[in-house]
């Protein structure tokens, strides 16, 4: 049978003196009562191995870095970063950040373009720049017709002015760049049911000739149908080349070294210049740079050019070379360029006319009377491009695209008719 002394924990008893543990009674109470009678916290009586080590000056209760290592910030960050939820959040917020940056960049670019566009269309600043452009930059060319006005009897009228009892149907058939594709031109005229005696009038936007298989045939057909046309950059090039050949007395017979001096493209142009008769060349020379069609219901003043117009500049002051070659316009200087990089002239012109129409919409009975619609070609890369105030008809016929006609009827009704073309450049 054990004594009360035997029930007392031996380890605790043996260490009592070292722990300065002094019971308040001489007898040995139960184990739980012994804990209750302690005058100091029990934790002070706990002994660990490190407390007995020679720590070289460390006091009791201090910790050693070598023995107890709490996680540092780098370890905590690594733990957080390795969590799947954290990685998902990082990916989501990164994607959102990239999306916002791209969106802001696009919006900033559009806002900058819009501000530049509005500034360029400001009446005060525009007049100053355009006035300088028109006065100082307009070149003069001998024998070049700048503007020609179409016979008013050929222009479609308002439906109100059409006599119900008489056949007075008038249509304008405006055709895009033909480039010598006579076969496709004949097909297009058949498709639109062209009827010269019935009131139809045929208009070309220039570049009737060059590149295609039968340029002289296209000119002859245009003359037979009493068509109108403007001068395109290809007509201008061939006509200037004819003048050069005439000066060097090689218009009829090529020079002996011609085939060695020029590449195939230039040789083809020289051959075309020689193939045109004097009558055909004279008809092309009489084609104006700008054809003023006149007022058409719902379209305002309709003008036909080959390449484009600078908005805000009078027709007589437009640079004829630019009218035959432009694709873009510098927003700051309003100087046109044949290059594709920049503000598309048709987009700028359409914005200009839309702004003008809005300002007149509540002040006049017919706001279109003071606006202008331009029908043009030249820009095969953009192809068919129909806006409110600009109509681009070059749809790349000679390259295997389509030949396009804009049909304008009485009352200003408009429709587009096309035929498919062979790729003559590969034949």
Foldseek 3Di string as FASTA:
>chain_A
DDDLVVQDDPVCVVCCVVLVWDAPDDDRDDPVVSCVRTPDDPVSSDDDPVQPDPPPPDDPPDDDCVVDPDDDPVRVVVVQCPDPVNVVVVVVVVVVVVVVVVVVVVVVVVVVVVVLLVVLLPVPVVCVLQVCCLVPPADDDPLAAQEDEDDLLQAFAAPVPDDPVDQSKHKEKEWAAQAQVVVQVVVQCVVVVDDLVSRYAYEYLENCHHDFDGSQVSLVVCVVSVHAYAYAPLLVVLLVLLVVCVVVVPLAPHDPCVVVPDDPRVVRSSVVSSPHDPVSNVRNSPHHQKYFHQQAALQATEIRHAEDFQPPHDSVSTHSVCSNAFQEAASPNRDTDNDPPHHGRVVSLLVSQVVQLVVCVPPDPGSSNPGYAYEYENCCVVAFDDDSRYTYHHVPQLQFGKMKIWMAIHNRDIDIDIDTHHNRNVD
